[in-house]
Protein backbone atom coordinates (compact mmCIF):
# COMPACT_ATOMS: atom_id res chain seq x y z
CA MET A 1 -43.14 31.75 21.99
CA TYR A 2 -40.76 29.39 24.33
CA GLN A 3 -41.72 31.52 27.37
CA GLY A 4 -45.58 30.88 26.68
CA ARG A 5 -46.58 34.72 26.19
CA ILE A 6 -49.62 34.69 24.19
CA GLU A 7 -49.70 38.57 23.35
CA THR A 8 -46.51 38.79 21.59
CA VAL A 9 -47.45 35.64 19.86
CA VAL A 10 -50.79 37.10 18.59
CA ALA A 11 -49.22 40.69 18.42
CA ASP A 12 -48.39 40.52 14.40
CA HIS A 13 -51.19 38.60 13.42
CA ALA A 14 -54.41 39.92 11.82
CA GLU A 15 -57.93 39.94 13.75
CA SER A 16 -59.62 38.03 10.86
CA ILE A 17 -56.79 35.25 11.47
CA VAL A 18 -57.64 31.50 9.73
CA MET A 19 -55.33 28.84 10.44
CA PHE A 20 -55.19 26.00 8.99
CA ASP A 21 -53.78 23.12 11.64
CA VAL A 22 -52.98 19.83 12.40
CA PRO A 23 -55.34 19.27 15.17
CA PRO A 24 -59.14 19.57 14.30
CA PRO A 25 -61.14 21.30 13.84
CA TYR A 26 -60.39 20.87 10.01
CA ARG A 27 -61.93 23.73 9.15
CA GLY A 28 -59.15 25.91 10.79
CA VAL A 29 -59.00 28.50 13.56
CA ARG A 30 -60.92 31.95 12.75
CA GLY A 31 -60.84 34.79 14.19
CA VAL A 32 -57.63 36.46 16.47
CA ASP A 33 -59.74 34.94 20.07
CA ALA A 34 -60.36 31.56 18.56
CA TYR A 35 -56.70 31.73 17.63
CA ARG A 36 -55.73 32.62 21.14
CA LYS A 37 -57.45 29.68 22.64
CA VAL A 38 -55.47 27.02 20.69
CA TRP A 39 -52.17 28.08 22.45
CA PRO A 40 -52.47 27.34 25.80
CA ASP A 41 -52.36 23.57 25.00
CA PHE A 42 -49.27 23.82 22.33
CA PHE A 43 -47.55 26.26 25.52
CA ALA A 44 -48.17 23.21 27.58
CA TRP A 45 -46.83 20.12 25.13
CA GLN A 46 -43.74 22.61 24.71
CA ALA A 47 -42.97 22.86 28.50
CA GLN A 48 -42.33 19.07 28.05
CA GLY A 49 -39.41 19.54 26.04
CA ALA A 50 -41.00 19.52 22.74
CA ALA A 51 -38.70 21.60 19.71
CA PHE A 52 -40.36 24.19 17.95
CA ASP A 53 -37.23 25.62 15.49
CA ILE A 54 -37.64 27.13 11.86
CA GLU A 55 -34.59 25.43 9.99
CA GLU A 56 -35.71 26.83 7.08
CA LEU A 57 -37.82 29.71 5.83
CA GLU A 58 -38.09 31.70 2.86
CA VAL A 59 -39.85 34.95 1.85
CA THR A 60 -41.77 36.58 -0.55
CA ALA A 61 -42.66 39.80 -0.59
CA GLY A 62 -44.99 42.76 -2.69
CA GLU A 63 -46.07 45.89 -2.00
CA ASP A 64 -49.07 45.03 0.64
CA VAL A 65 -48.99 41.53 0.46
CA ALA A 66 -46.47 38.45 0.89
CA PHE A 67 -46.30 34.95 1.45
CA ALA A 68 -43.77 32.50 3.68
CA HIS A 69 -42.80 28.64 3.67
CA ALA A 70 -40.83 27.39 6.20
CA LEU A 71 -39.70 23.72 7.69
CA VAL A 72 -39.33 23.31 11.63
CA ARG A 73 -37.99 21.00 13.50
CA CYS A 74 -41.04 20.25 15.63
CA GLY A 75 -41.87 17.26 18.15
CA ARG A 76 -40.98 15.30 21.19
CA GLU A 77 -37.49 14.34 21.66
CA ASP A 78 -38.74 10.22 21.51
CA GLU A 79 -40.81 11.49 17.86
CA LEU A 80 -37.78 13.51 17.01
CA ALA A 81 -35.16 10.32 17.47
CA ALA A 82 -37.66 8.33 15.68
CA HIS A 83 -38.07 9.99 13.01
CA PRO A 84 -35.07 12.58 12.85
CA GLY A 85 -35.80 13.73 8.89
CA LEU A 86 -39.70 14.90 10.06
CA ARG A 87 -40.45 18.59 9.92
CA LEU A 88 -43.27 20.31 10.10
CA ARG A 89 -44.72 22.15 6.94
CA LEU A 90 -45.66 26.09 7.72
CA THR A 91 -47.08 28.59 4.98
CA LEU A 92 -47.75 32.02 6.57
CA GLY A 93 -49.84 34.68 4.46
CA LEU A 94 -49.21 38.30 5.11
CA ARG A 95 -50.64 41.62 3.98
CA LYS A 96 -49.94 45.11 5.01
CA GLU A 97 -52.22 46.79 7.09
CA ALA A 98 -51.54 50.75 8.18
CA GLY A 99 -48.06 49.98 7.36
CA ARG A 100 -47.62 47.08 9.20
CA TRP A 101 -47.14 43.02 8.28
CA VAL A 102 -49.10 41.16 9.99
CA VAL A 103 -49.91 37.37 9.69
CA ALA A 104 -53.67 36.53 7.90
CA HIS A 105 -53.28 32.83 7.38
CA GLU A 106 -51.33 29.98 8.44
CA HIS A 107 -51.51 26.57 7.72
CA HIS A 108 -49.17 23.79 9.31
CA SER A 109 -48.75 19.85 8.01
CA PHE A 110 -46.88 17.22 8.58
CA PRO A 111 -46.43 14.68 5.93
CA ASP A 112 -48.08 11.40 5.81
CA LEU A 113 -46.11 8.56 6.74
CA SER A 114 -48.15 5.71 6.22
CA ASP A 115 -47.61 3.32 3.78
CA PRO A 116 -50.10 3.12 1.29
CA GLY A 117 -49.76 -0.54 1.26
CA ALA A 118 -50.59 -0.76 4.64
CA GLU A 119 -54.42 -0.90 4.62
CA ALA A 120 -53.90 -3.79 1.91
CA GLU A 121 -51.48 -6.16 4.15
CA VAL A 122 -54.33 -5.26 7.33
CA ARG A 123 -56.94 -6.22 5.23
CA THR A 124 -55.13 -9.41 4.29
CA VAL A 125 -54.67 -10.53 7.14
CA HIS A 126 -58.38 -10.39 8.24
CA GLU A 127 -59.30 -12.45 4.64
CA ASN A 128 -57.02 -15.02 5.78
CA TRP A 129 -58.46 -15.36 9.64
CA PHE A 130 -62.20 -15.11 7.16
CA ASP A 131 -60.65 -18.16 4.95
CA ARG A 132 -59.26 -20.25 7.65
CA THR A 133 -62.10 -19.60 10.36
CA ALA A 134 -64.58 -21.67 6.81
CA ALA A 135 -62.20 -24.14 6.66
CA LYS A 136 -62.18 -24.56 10.63
CA ASP A 137 -58.00 -24.61 10.30
CA LEU A 138 -56.97 -23.74 13.91
CA ASP A 139 -53.39 -23.49 12.70
CA GLY A 140 -54.49 -21.20 10.44
CA VAL A 141 -57.10 -19.24 12.81
CA MET A 142 -53.61 -18.62 14.54
CA GLN A 143 -51.81 -17.20 12.04
CA HIS A 144 -50.57 -13.46 12.46
CA ILE A 145 -51.55 -13.75 16.46
CA ALA A 146 -48.68 -12.28 18.60
CA ASP A 147 -47.48 -14.59 21.68
CA ASP A 148 -48.02 -11.75 23.96
CA ILE A 149 -51.87 -11.23 22.56
CA VAL A 150 -54.32 -10.03 24.89
CA SER A 151 -58.11 -10.72 24.06
CA TYR A 152 -61.06 -9.21 25.87
CA GLU A 153 -64.10 -11.56 25.21
CA HIS A 154 -67.67 -11.59 26.37
CA ASP A 155 -67.17 -15.16 28.07
CA THR A 156 -65.74 -15.63 31.47
CA PRO A 157 -62.37 -14.68 32.09
CA LEU A 158 -62.76 -12.41 29.91
CA GLN A 159 -60.03 -11.46 29.80
CA TYR A 160 -57.60 -14.42 27.67
CA VAL A 161 -53.89 -13.84 28.28
CA GLY A 162 -51.07 -14.79 25.77
CA ARG A 163 -51.55 -17.36 22.27
CA ASP A 164 -52.25 -20.95 24.10
CA GLN A 165 -55.61 -18.76 26.10
CA VAL A 166 -56.32 -17.44 22.83
CA ARG A 167 -56.55 -20.42 20.90
CA GLU A 168 -57.89 -22.34 22.90
CA VAL A 169 -60.97 -19.60 22.75
CA CYS A 170 -60.95 -20.30 19.35
CA ARG A 171 -60.72 -24.49 19.33
CA GLN A 172 -64.28 -24.22 21.62
CA GLY A 173 -65.71 -21.86 19.20
CA LEU A 174 -64.69 -23.84 16.12
CA ASP A 175 -65.67 -27.04 17.72
CA TRP A 176 -68.85 -26.27 18.83
CA ALA A 177 -70.24 -25.51 15.89
CA PRO A 178 -70.89 -28.90 14.02
CA GLY A 179 -71.23 -27.08 10.21
CA PRO A 180 -69.91 -24.76 8.11
CA VAL A 181 -68.71 -21.79 9.55
CA THR A 182 -68.47 -17.78 8.20
CA TRP A 183 -67.09 -15.05 9.73
CA ASP A 184 -66.50 -11.15 8.18
CA VAL A 185 -66.96 -7.89 8.86
CA PRO A 186 -68.87 -6.38 5.94
CA ASP A 187 -68.19 -2.97 7.36
CA MET A 188 -64.43 -3.16 8.09
CA ARG A 189 -62.47 0.39 9.35
CA VAL A 190 -58.87 0.24 8.68
CA LEU A 191 -56.85 2.91 10.67
CA ILE A 192 -53.04 2.86 10.50
CA ARG A 193 -50.32 5.08 11.81
CA ASP A 194 -46.18 4.08 10.80
CA ASP A 195 -45.93 0.58 12.54
CA ILE A 196 -49.47 0.44 14.46
CA ALA A 197 -53.48 -0.74 13.11
CA VAL A 198 -56.66 -0.52 14.47
CA VAL A 199 -59.21 -2.20 12.93
CA TRP A 200 -62.87 -1.96 13.89
CA GLY A 201 -66.53 -3.34 12.52
CA LEU A 202 -69.55 -5.36 13.14
CA ASN A 203 -68.73 -9.25 12.74
CA HIS A 204 -70.49 -11.30 11.18
CA MET A 205 -71.02 -14.85 12.36
CA THR A 206 -72.62 -17.99 10.76
CA ALA A 207 -72.39 -21.64 12.07
CA GLY A 208 -74.47 -24.39 10.86
CA GLU A 209 -76.40 -26.27 13.28
CA ALA A 210 -76.52 -30.74 13.39
CA ASP A 211 -80.01 -30.17 11.85
CA GLY A 212 -79.11 -28.18 8.88
CA THR A 213 -80.23 -24.94 10.46
CA THR A 214 -77.54 -21.62 10.64
CA THR A 215 -77.03 -19.81 13.12
CA GLU A 216 -76.36 -16.03 12.57
CA SER A 217 -74.82 -13.21 15.19
CA TRP A 218 -73.12 -10.28 15.71
CA SER A 219 -70.79 -8.37 17.53
CA ARG A 220 -68.68 -5.73 18.07
CA GLY A 221 -64.75 -6.17 17.56
CA THR A 222 -62.00 -3.81 17.91
CA ARG A 223 -58.38 -5.35 16.84
CA MET A 224 -54.73 -4.26 16.96
CA LEU A 225 -51.97 -4.66 14.96
CA GLN A 226 -48.36 -4.22 15.11
CA ARG A 227 -45.70 -4.98 12.76
CA ARG A 228 -43.20 -6.69 13.53
CA ASN A 229 -40.45 -8.48 11.45
CA GLY A 230 -41.73 -7.05 8.54
CA GLU A 231 -45.70 -9.18 9.56
CA TRP A 232 -48.72 -7.51 10.71
CA THR A 233 -49.04 -9.30 14.33
CA MET A 234 -52.24 -8.73 16.04
CA VAL A 235 -51.56 -7.34 19.78
CA HIS A 236 -54.84 -6.72 21.24
CA GLN A 237 -58.85 -7.67 20.63
CA HIS A 238 -61.56 -6.78 22.37
CA VAL A 239 -64.89 -8.19 21.37
CA SER A 240 -68.78 -8.18 22.85
CA TYR A 241 -72.17 -7.99 22.33
CA PRO A 242 -74.96 -5.53 23.23
CA TYR A 243 -76.11 -6.30 26.26
CA ASP A 244 -78.57 -8.77 25.58
CA LEU A 245 -78.70 -11.97 28.18
CA GLN A 246 -80.42 -13.81 25.62
CA THR A 247 -78.07 -13.41 22.93
CA ARG A 248 -75.14 -13.22 25.25
CA GLU A 249 -76.24 -16.98 26.37
CA ALA A 250 -77.41 -18.45 22.96
CA LYS A 251 -73.84 -17.17 21.20
CA THR A 252 -70.15 -18.30 20.94
CA GLU A 253 -67.92 -16.50 19.31
CA LEU A 254 -65.68 -18.33 16.46
CA HIS A 255 -63.24 -15.69 15.78
CA PRO A 256 -58.96 -15.51 16.32
């Protein structure tokens, strides 16, 4: 495997091999020809210094069917340094064909390292932003925003760097609306890996006008948060309207 010899890798695999791997396709890689095609990328990754070392292996065999399970030290040096106990789980199903054992099934997986409570924490941060926006509480809106935030906005200069610049954008947005303001993301999606969270969805904004009417707008938003000192903090956001000049001229965003 270390030499990247694909024929050596597939030599003891059944023609009908089915592999459930960590990367997609999630229905599995089916057939030895498809199995052969996934290996060049793995060899290239391994050539960068990644390890694939079997630490534990147990085999149970019958007359013509067997299975094995193993723990594998698998990853780049930086990944293994960050998670020294992390191991790939490997399960093999074998059968005997013409007197020779061949691998008929492989299943690879990593444990889920995400904190089951992390998504609720990230959503709570957003609920606080929604609530503080409605209260027009600028200090509250600025909670959970990093000092080194980089925000891509739809108004020039397009890129706002640092907490002070973003605070000014938020202040202008809150002052722009004379009446009540609301902000929510009805179909917000959250994806978390370790201490990084990506949140995206359509921002729904309403702003009360001086004459008592309400203006409504929608925009697209993606936000990245990092857990720093135990707290989720927004380090980047990207907000945009669809390319509609009339809408762009008529609306001002009111989010952090």
